[in-house]
Amino acid sequence: MSLGRLLIVGAGGYGRTVVEAAAMCGWEFIAFVDDGFPAPCWSGHHDVIGDTSSITHVASDFDAAVCAVGNNQVRKEMIALVD
């Protein structure tokens, strides 16, 4: 069963763990936004489509989003962008 399109904020270690679990759950398309990677590029088998400033522009193209950022303050700021 396909769950659709998932956006993951953060392509670091936590993001790679989340993408692995998401892929096993059946997400059809998974992409990242991350300030630490030049976009467009690949992180593993998934696209990094932009930096965090692009969240508000790309979020509507996805069915769900997960914030995979370990730093509590940064995570709070990222969630506030799409909330």
PDB file of N, CA and C in Angstrom:
ATOM      1  N   MET A   1       0.841  -1.178   0.000  1.00  0.00           N
ATOM      2  CA  MET A   1       0.000   0.000   0.000  1.00  0.00           C
ATOM      3  C   MET A   1       0.886   1.242   0.000  1.00  0.00           C
ATOM      4  N   SER A   2       0.625   2.157  -0.896  1.00  0.00           N
ATOM      5  CA  SER A   2       1.391   3.395  -0.976  1.00  0.00           C
ATOM      6  C   SER A   2       0.750   4.467  -0.104  1.00  0.00           C
ATOM      7  N   LEU A   3       1.583   5.145   0.650  1.00  0.00           N
ATOM      8  CA  LEU A   3       1.098   6.206   1.523  1.00  0.00           C
ATOM      9  C   LEU A   3       1.225   7.587   0.901  1.00  0.00           C
ATOM     10  N   GLY A   4       1.833   7.700  -0.271  1.00  0.00           N
ATOM     11  CA  GLY A   4       1.948   9.000  -0.924  1.00  0.00           C
ATOM     12  C   GLY A   4       3.334   9.597  -0.810  1.00  0.00           C
ATOM     13  N   ARG A   5       3.372  10.924  -0.662  1.00  0.00           N
ATOM     14  CA  ARG A   5       4.623  11.678  -0.701  1.00  0.00           C
ATOM     15  C   ARG A   5       4.956  12.223   0.688  1.00  0.00           C
ATOM     16  N   LEU A   6       6.175  11.956   1.137  1.00  0.00           N
ATOM     17  CA  LEU A   6       6.620  12.367   2.467  1.00  0.00           C
ATOM     18  C   LEU A   6       7.806  13.314   2.353  1.00  0.00           C
ATOM     19  N   LEU A   7       7.729  14.431   3.049  1.00  0.00           N
ATOM     20  CA  LEU A   7       8.828  15.390   3.137  1.00  0.00           C
ATOM     21  C   LEU A   7       9.487  15.236   4.500  1.00  0.00           C
ATOM     22  N   ILE A   8      10.805  15.079   4.505  1.00  0.00           N
ATOM     23  CA  ILE A   8      11.553  14.984   5.755  1.00  0.00           C
ATOM     24  C   ILE A   8      12.438  16.210   5.881  1.00  0.00           C
ATOM     25  N   VAL A   9      12.290  16.915   6.983  1.00  0.00           N
ATOM     26  CA  VAL A   9      13.138  18.068   7.283  1.00  0.00           C
ATOM     27  C   VAL A   9      14.336  17.535   8.051  1.00  0.00           C
ATOM     28  N   GLY A  10      15.507  17.586   7.421  1.00  0.00           N
ATOM     29  CA  GLY A  10      16.730  17.090   8.038  1.00  0.00           C
ATOM     30  C   GLY A  10      17.205  15.818   7.362  1.00  0.00           C
ATOM     31  N   ALA A  11      18.335  15.881   6.685  1.00  0.00           N
ATOM     32  CA  ALA A  11      18.873  14.729   5.959  1.00  0.00           C
ATOM     33  C   ALA A  11      20.100  14.147   6.641  1.00  0.00           C
ATOM     34  N   GLY A  12      20.304  14.500   7.908  1.00  0.00           N
ATOM     35  CA  GLY A  12      21.438  13.966   8.659  1.00  0.00           C
ATOM     36  C   GLY A  12      21.141  12.576   9.193  1.00  0.00           C
ATOM     37  N   GLY A  13      21.803  12.212  10.271  1.00  0.00           N
ATOM     38  CA  GLY A  13      21.657  10.877  10.837  1.00  0.00           C
ATOM     39  C   GLY A  13      20.235  10.536  11.235  1.00  0.00           C
ATOM     40  N   TYR A  14      19.562  11.454  11.903  1.00  0.00           N
ATOM     41  CA  TYR A  14      18.177  11.235  12.317  1.00  0.00           C
ATOM     42  C   TYR A  14      17.270  11.116  11.093  1.00  0.00           C
ATOM     43  N   GLY A  15      17.487  11.954  10.107  1.00  0.00           N
ATOM     44  CA  GLY A  15      16.703  11.896   8.876  1.00  0.00           C
ATOM     45  C   GLY A  15      16.889  10.588   8.130  1.00  0.00           C
ATOM     46  N   ARG A  16      18.116  10.069   8.111  1.00  0.00           N
ATOM     47  CA  ARG A  16      18.369   8.794   7.438  1.00  0.00           C
ATOM     48  C   ARG A  16      17.667   7.645   8.159  1.00  0.00           C
ATOM     49  N   THR A  17      17.572   7.731   9.482  1.00  0.00           N
ATOM     50  CA  THR A  17      16.831   6.722  10.237  1.00  0.00           C
ATOM     51  C   THR A  17      15.343   6.810   9.917  1.00  0.00           C
ATOM     52  N   VAL A  18      14.816   8.026   9.868  1.00  0.00           N
ATOM     53  CA  VAL A  18      13.397   8.228   9.560  1.00  0.00           C
ATOM     54  C   VAL A  18      13.078   7.753   8.149  1.00  0.00           C
ATOM     55  N   VAL A  19      13.944   8.046   7.180  1.00  0.00           N
ATOM     56  CA  VAL A  19      13.668   7.652   5.795  1.00  0.00           C
ATOM     57  C   VAL A  19      13.636   6.136   5.660  1.00  0.00           C
ATOM     58  N   GLU A  20      14.489   5.447   6.386  1.00  0.00           N
ATOM     59  CA  GLU A  20      14.496   3.985   6.338  1.00  0.00           C
ATOM     60  C   GLU A  20      13.164   3.421   6.847  1.00  0.00           C
ATOM     61  N   ALA A  21      12.699   3.934   7.975  1.00  0.00           N
ATOM     62  CA  ALA A  21      11.421   3.480   8.536  1.00  0.00           C
ATOM     63  C   ALA A  21      10.260   3.850   7.617  1.00  0.00           C
ATOM     64  N   ALA A  22      10.293   5.051   7.058  1.00  0.00           N
ATOM     65  CA  ALA A  22       9.216   5.511   6.178  1.00  0.00           C
ATOM     66  C   ALA A  22       9.130   4.653   4.916  1.00  0.00           C
ATOM     67  N   ALA A  23      10.273   4.314   4.357  1.00  0.00           N
ATOM     68  CA  ALA A  23      10.288   3.478   3.154  1.00  0.00           C
ATOM     69  C   ALA A  23       9.703   2.099   3.456  1.00  0.00           C
ATOM     70  N   MET A  24      10.029   1.548   4.606  1.00  0.00           N
ATOM     71  CA  MET A  24       9.488   0.243   4.990  1.00  0.00           C
ATOM     72  C   MET A  24       7.980   0.308   5.227  1.00  0.00           C
ATOM     73  N   CYS A  25       7.477   1.475   5.596  1.00  0.00           N
ATOM     74  CA  CYS A  25       6.035   1.644   5.832  1.00  0.00           C
ATOM     75  C   CYS A  25       5.246   1.843   4.543  1.00  0.00           C
ATOM     76  N   GLY A  26       5.926   2.096   3.429  1.00  0.00           N
ATOM     77  CA  GLY A  26       5.236   2.178   2.149  1.00  0.00           C
ATOM     78  C   GLY A  26       5.061   3.555   1.550  1.00  0.00           C
ATOM     79  N   TRP A  27       5.843   4.538   1.996  1.00  0.00           N
ATOM     80  CA  TRP A  27       5.749   5.857   1.365  1.00  0.00           C
ATOM     81  C   TRP A  27       6.258   5.750  -0.061  1.00  0.00           C
ATOM     82  N   GLU A  28       5.496   6.275  -1.002  1.00  0.00           N
ATOM     83  CA  GLU A  28       5.794   6.182  -2.431  1.00  0.00           C
ATOM     84  C   GLU A  28       6.984   7.049  -2.834  1.00  0.00           C
ATOM     85  N   PHE A  29       7.034   8.277  -2.344  1.00  0.00           N
ATOM     86  CA  PHE A  29       8.096   9.222  -2.692  1.00  0.00           C
ATOM     87  C   PHE A  29       8.522   9.940  -1.423  1.00  0.00           C
ATOM     88  N   ILE A  30       9.817   9.970  -1.178  1.00  0.00           N
ATOM     89  CA  ILE A  30      10.355  10.618   0.021  1.00  0.00           C
ATOM     90  C   ILE A  30      11.447  11.579  -0.415  1.00  0.00           C
ATOM     91  N   ALA A  31      11.392  12.801   0.099  1.00  0.00           N
ATOM     92  CA  ALA A  31      12.412  13.804  -0.208  1.00  0.00           C
ATOM     93  C   ALA A  31      12.768  14.561   1.064  1.00  0.00           C
ATOM     94  N   PHE A  32      13.930  15.211   1.025  1.00  0.00           N
ATOM     95  CA  PHE A  32      14.436  15.976   2.158  1.00  0.00           C
ATOM     96  C   PHE A  32      14.512  17.463   1.838  1.00  0.00           C
ATOM     97  N   VAL A  33      14.442  18.284   2.877  1.00  0.00           N
ATOM     98  CA  VAL A  33      14.960  19.648   2.851  1.00  0.00           C
ATOM     99  C   VAL A  33      15.982  19.725   3.973  1.00  0.00           C
ATOM    100  N   ASP A  34      17.105  20.382   3.691  1.00  0.00           N
ATOM    101  CA  ASP A  34      18.179  20.454   4.678  1.00  0.00           C
ATOM    102  C   ASP A  34      19.127  21.583   4.300  1.00  0.00           C
ATOM    103  N   ASP A  35      19.513  22.383   5.289  1.00  0.00           N
ATOM    104  CA  ASP A  35      20.440  23.494   5.045  1.00  0.00           C
ATOM    105  C   ASP A  35      21.870  23.028   4.805  1.00  0.00           C
ATOM    106  N   GLY A  36      22.192  21.805   5.197  1.00  0.00           N
ATOM    107  CA  GLY A  36      23.565  21.327   5.107  1.00  0.00           C
ATOM    108  C   GLY A  36      23.920  20.627   3.814  1.00  0.00           C
ATOM    109  N   PHE A  37      22.969  20.509   2.903  1.00  0.00           N
ATOM    110  CA  PHE A  37      23.212  19.830   1.637  1.00  0.00           C
ATOM    111  C   PHE A  37      22.860  20.774   0.492  1.00  0.00           C
ATOM    112  N   PRO A  38      23.691  20.824  -0.545  1.00  0.00           N
ATOM    113  CA  PRO A  38      23.331  21.657  -1.694  1.00  0.00           C
ATOM    114  C   PRO A  38      22.174  21.003  -2.444  1.00  0.00           C
ATOM    115  N   ALA A  39      21.191  21.772  -2.813  1.00  0.00           N
ATOM    116  CA  ALA A  39      20.046  21.215  -3.541  1.00  0.00           C
ATOM    117  C   ALA A  39      20.114  21.673  -4.990  1.00  0.00           C
ATOM    118  N   PRO A  40      19.771  20.863  -5.920  1.00  0.00           N
ATOM    119  CA  PRO A  40      19.337  19.485  -5.709  1.00  0.00           C
ATOM    120  C   PRO A  40      20.530  18.550  -5.578  1.00  0.00           C
ATOM    121  N   CYS A  41      20.369  17.544  -4.754  1.00  0.00           N
ATOM    122  CA  CYS A  41      21.364  16.486  -4.621  1.00  0.00           C
ATOM    123  C   CYS A  41      20.668  15.259  -4.056  1.00  0.00           C
ATOM    124  N   TRP A  42      21.429  14.222  -3.825  1.00  0.00           N
ATOM    125  CA  TRP A  42      20.895  12.984  -3.276  1.00  0.00           C
ATOM    126  C   TRP A  42      21.460  12.755  -1.893  1.00  0.00           C
ATOM    127  N   SER A  43      20.648  12.208  -1.004  1.00  0.00           N
ATOM    128  CA  SER A  43      21.105  11.718   0.293  1.00  0.00           C
ATOM    129  C   SER A  43      20.653  10.275   0.364  1.00  0.00           C
ATOM    130  N   GLY A  44      21.572   9.374   0.129  1.00  0.00           N
ATOM    131  CA  GLY A  44      21.177   7.974  -0.005  1.00  0.00           C
ATOM    132  C   GLY A  44      20.458   7.816  -1.324  1.00  0.00           C
ATOM    133  N   HIS A  45      19.236   7.342  -1.286  1.00  0.00           N
ATOM    134  CA  HIS A  45      18.446   7.137  -2.500  1.00  0.00           C
ATOM    135  C   HIS A  45      17.335   8.168  -2.648  1.00  0.00           C
ATOM    136  N   HIS A  46      17.424   9.258  -1.907  1.00  0.00           N
ATOM    137  CA  HIS A  46      16.333  10.232  -1.894  1.00  0.00           C
ATOM    138  C   HIS A  46      16.856  11.634  -2.188  1.00  0.00           C
ATOM    139  N   ASP A  47      16.017  12.429  -2.833  1.00  0.00           N
ATOM    140  CA  ASP A  47      16.385  13.786  -3.228  1.00  0.00           C
ATOM    141  C   ASP A  47      16.408  14.747  -2.048  1.00  0.00           C
ATOM    142  N   VAL A  48      17.402  15.615  -2.038  1.00  0.00           N
ATOM    143  CA  VAL A  48      17.362  16.819  -1.206  1.00  0.00           C
ATOM    144  C   VAL A  48      16.880  17.907  -2.155  1.00  0.00           C
ATOM    145  N   ILE A  49      15.669  18.411  -1.912  1.00  0.00           N
ATOM    146  CA  ILE A  49      15.027  19.300  -2.887  1.00  0.00           C
ATOM    147  C   ILE A  49      15.165  20.778  -2.553  1.00  0.00           C
ATOM    148  N   GLY A  50      15.737  21.080  -1.402  1.00  0.00           N
ATOM    149  CA  GLY A  50      15.906  22.479  -1.035  1.00  0.00           C
ATOM    150  C   GLY A  50      16.421  22.618   0.376  1.00  0.00           C
ATOM    151  N   ASP A  51      16.592  23.856   0.788  1.00  0.00           N
ATOM    152  CA  ASP A  51      16.983  24.111   2.174  1.00  0.00           C
ATOM    153  C   ASP A  51      15.728  24.427   2.977  1.00  0.00           C
ATOM    154  N   THR A  52      15.895  24.691   4.254  1.00  0.00           N
ATOM    155  CA  THR A  52      14.720  24.884   5.106  1.00  0.00           C
ATOM    156  C   THR A  52      13.914  26.126   4.740  1.00  0.00           C
ATOM    157  N   SER A  53      14.519  27.073   4.057  1.00  0.00           N
ATOM    158  CA  SER A  53      13.744  28.249   3.635  1.00  0.00           C
ATOM    159  C   SER A  53      12.722  27.896   2.554  1.00  0.00           C
ATOM    160  N   SER A  54      12.856  26.728   1.943  1.00  0.00           N
ATOM    161  CA  SER A  54      11.922  26.311   0.891  1.00  0.00           C
ATOM    162  C   SER A  54      10.741  25.507   1.428  1.00  0.00           C
ATOM    163  N   ILE A  55      10.707  25.252   2.730  1.00  0.00           N
ATOM    164  CA  ILE A  55       9.644  24.413   3.300  1.00  0.00           C
ATOM    165  C   ILE A  55       8.261  24.930   2.932  1.00  0.00           C
ATOM    166  N   THR A  56       8.028  26.204   3.118  1.00  0.00           N
ATOM    167  CA  THR A  56       6.685  26.735   2.860  1.00  0.00           C
ATOM    168  C   THR A  56       6.301  26.644   1.387  1.00  0.00           C
ATOM    169  N   HIS A  57       7.282  26.599   0.499  1.00  0.00           N
ATOM    170  CA  HIS A  57       7.010  26.517  -0.937  1.00  0.00           C
ATOM    171  C   HIS A  57       6.741  25.087  -1.391  1.00  0.00           C
ATOM    172  N   VAL A  58       7.398  24.115  -0.766  1.00  0.00           N
ATOM    173  CA  VAL A  58       7.283  22.732  -1.232  1.00  0.00           C
ATOM    174  C   VAL A  58       6.320  21.887  -0.411  1.00  0.00           C
ATOM    175  N   ALA A  59       5.960  22.321   0.775  1.00  0.00           N
ATOM    176  CA  ALA A  59       5.134  21.498   1.670  1.00  0.00           C
ATOM    177  C   ALA A  59       3.811  21.086   1.035  1.00  0.00           C
ATOM    178  N   SER A  60       3.215  21.943   0.249  1.00  0.00           N
ATOM    179  CA  SER A  60       1.916  21.613  -0.353  1.00  0.00           C
ATOM    180  C   SER A  60       2.011  20.497  -1.393  1.00  0.00           C
ATOM    181  N   ASP A  61       3.217  20.161  -1.836  1.00  0.00           N
ATOM    182  CA  ASP A  61       3.413  19.074  -2.793  1.00  0.00           C
ATOM    183  C   ASP A  61       3.476  17.711  -2.123  1.00  0.00           C
ATOM    184  N   PHE A  62       3.382  17.680  -0.800  1.00  0.00           N
ATOM    185  CA  PHE A  62       3.541  16.442  -0.040  1.00  0.00           C
ATOM    186  C   PHE A  62       2.300  16.144   0.789  1.00  0.00           C
ATOM    187  N   ASP A  63       2.103  14.864   1.060  1.00  0.00           N
ATOM    188  CA  ASP A  63       0.963  14.425   1.863  1.00  0.00           C
ATOM    189  C   ASP A  63       1.229  14.539   3.355  1.00  0.00           C
ATOM    190  N   ALA A  64       2.498  14.482   3.736  1.00  0.00           N
ATOM    191  CA  ALA A  64       2.871  14.571   5.151  1.00  0.00           C
ATOM    192  C   ALA A  64       4.313  15.037   5.248  1.00  0.00           C
ATOM    193  N   ALA A  65       4.671  15.501   6.433  1.00  0.00           N
ATOM    194  CA  ALA A  65       6.050  15.927   6.688  1.00  0.00           C
ATOM    195  C   ALA A  65       6.465  15.450   8.071  1.00  0.00           C
ATOM    196  N   VAL A  66       7.757  15.172   8.194  1.00  0.00           N
ATOM    197  CA  VAL A  66       8.349  14.770   9.467  1.00  0.00           C
ATOM    198  C   VAL A  66       9.556  15.658   9.702  1.00  0.00           C
ATOM    199  N   CYS A  67       9.677  16.172  10.900  1.00  0.00           N
ATOM    200  CA  CYS A  67      10.847  16.971  11.243  1.00  0.00           C
ATOM    201  C   CYS A  67      11.853  16.068  11.943  1.00  0.00           C
ATOM    202  N   ALA A  68      12.922  15.732  11.236  1.00  0.00           N
ATOM    203  CA  ALA A  68      13.944  14.830  11.749  1.00  0.00           C
ATOM    204  C   ALA A  68      15.199  15.619  12.106  1.00  0.00           C
ATOM    205  N   VAL A  69      15.026  16.589  12.982  1.00  0.00           N
ATOM    206  CA  VAL A  69      16.122  17.443  13.442  1.00  0.00           C
ATOM    207  C   VAL A  69      16.317  17.161  14.923  1.00  0.00           C
ATOM    208  N   GLY A  70      17.536  16.854  15.318  1.00  0.00           N
ATOM    209  CA  GLY A  70      17.795  16.501  16.708  1.00  0.00           C
ATOM    210  C   GLY A  70      17.778  17.669  17.675  1.00  0.00           C
ATOM    211  N   ASN A  71      18.189  18.839  17.235  1.00  0.00           N
ATOM    212  CA  ASN A  71      18.250  20.012  18.101  1.00  0.00           C
ATOM    213  C   ASN A  71      16.835  20.509  18.398  1.00  0.00           C
ATOM    214  N   ASN A  72      16.476  20.539  19.686  1.00  0.00           N
ATOM    215  CA  ASN A  72      15.109  20.899  20.078  1.00  0.00           C
ATOM    216  C   ASN A  72      14.682  22.273  19.581  1.00  0.00           C
ATOM    217  N   GLN A  73      15.527  23.272  19.723  1.00  0.00           N
ATOM    218  CA  GLN A  73      15.160  24.632  19.320  1.00  0.00           C
ATOM    219  C   GLN A  73      14.970  24.734  17.810  1.00  0.00           C
ATOM    220  N   VAL A  74      15.883  24.135  17.060  1.00  0.00           N
ATOM    221  CA  VAL A  74      15.772  24.161  15.596  1.00  0.00           C
ATOM    222  C   VAL A  74      14.525  23.396  15.158  1.00  0.00           C
ATOM    223  N   ARG A  75      14.269  22.256  15.786  1.00  0.00           N
ATOM    224  CA  ARG A  75      13.075  21.480  15.453  1.00  0.00           C
ATOM    225  C   ARG A  75      11.808  22.306  15.688  1.00  0.00           C
ATOM    226  N   LYS A  76      11.758  23.011  16.802  1.00  0.00           N
ATOM    227  CA  LYS A  76      10.606  23.865  17.111  1.00  0.00           C
ATOM    228  C   LYS A  76      10.419  24.931  16.030  1.00  0.00           C
ATOM    229  N   GLU A  77      11.508  25.539  15.580  1.00  0.00           N
ATOM    230  CA  GLU A  77      11.441  26.568  14.535  1.00  0.00           C
ATOM    231  C   GLU A  77      10.959  25.989  13.204  1.00  0.00           C
ATOM    232  N   MET A  78      11.422  24.790  12.861  1.00  0.00           N
ATOM    233  CA  MET A  78      11.017  24.161  11.602  1.00  0.00           C
ATOM    234  C   MET A  78       9.533  23.797  11.628  1.00  0.00           C
ATOM    235  N   ILE A  79       9.065  23.279  12.739  1.00  0.00           N
ATOM    236  CA  ILE A  79       7.649  22.924  12.862  1.00  0.00           C
ATOM    237  C   ILE A  79       6.780  24.171  12.770  1.00  0.00           C
ATOM    238  N   ALA A  80       7.234  25.266  13.344  1.00  0.00           N
ATOM    239  CA  ALA A  80       6.473  26.520  13.291  1.00  0.00           C
ATOM    240  C   ALA A  80       6.298  27.015  11.854  1.00  0.00           C
ATOM    241  N   LEU A  81       7.231  26.688  10.969  1.00  0.00           N
ATOM    242  CA  LEU A  81       7.129  27.117   9.571  1.00  0.00           C
ATOM    243  C   LEU A  81       5.953  26.479   8.847  1.00  0.00           C
ATOM    244  N   VAL A  82       5.614  25.259   9.209  1.00  0.00           N
ATOM    245  CA  VAL A  82       4.553  24.544   8.486  1.00  0.00           C
ATOM    246  C   VAL A  82       3.288  24.353   9.309  1.00  0.00           C
ATOM    247  N   ASP A  83       3.316  24.757  10.544  1.00  0.00           N
ATOM    248  CA  ASP A  83       2.162  24.557  11.418  1.00  0.00           C
ATOM    249  C   ASP A  83       1.036  25.509  11.088  1.00  0.00           C
TER     250      ASP A  83
END
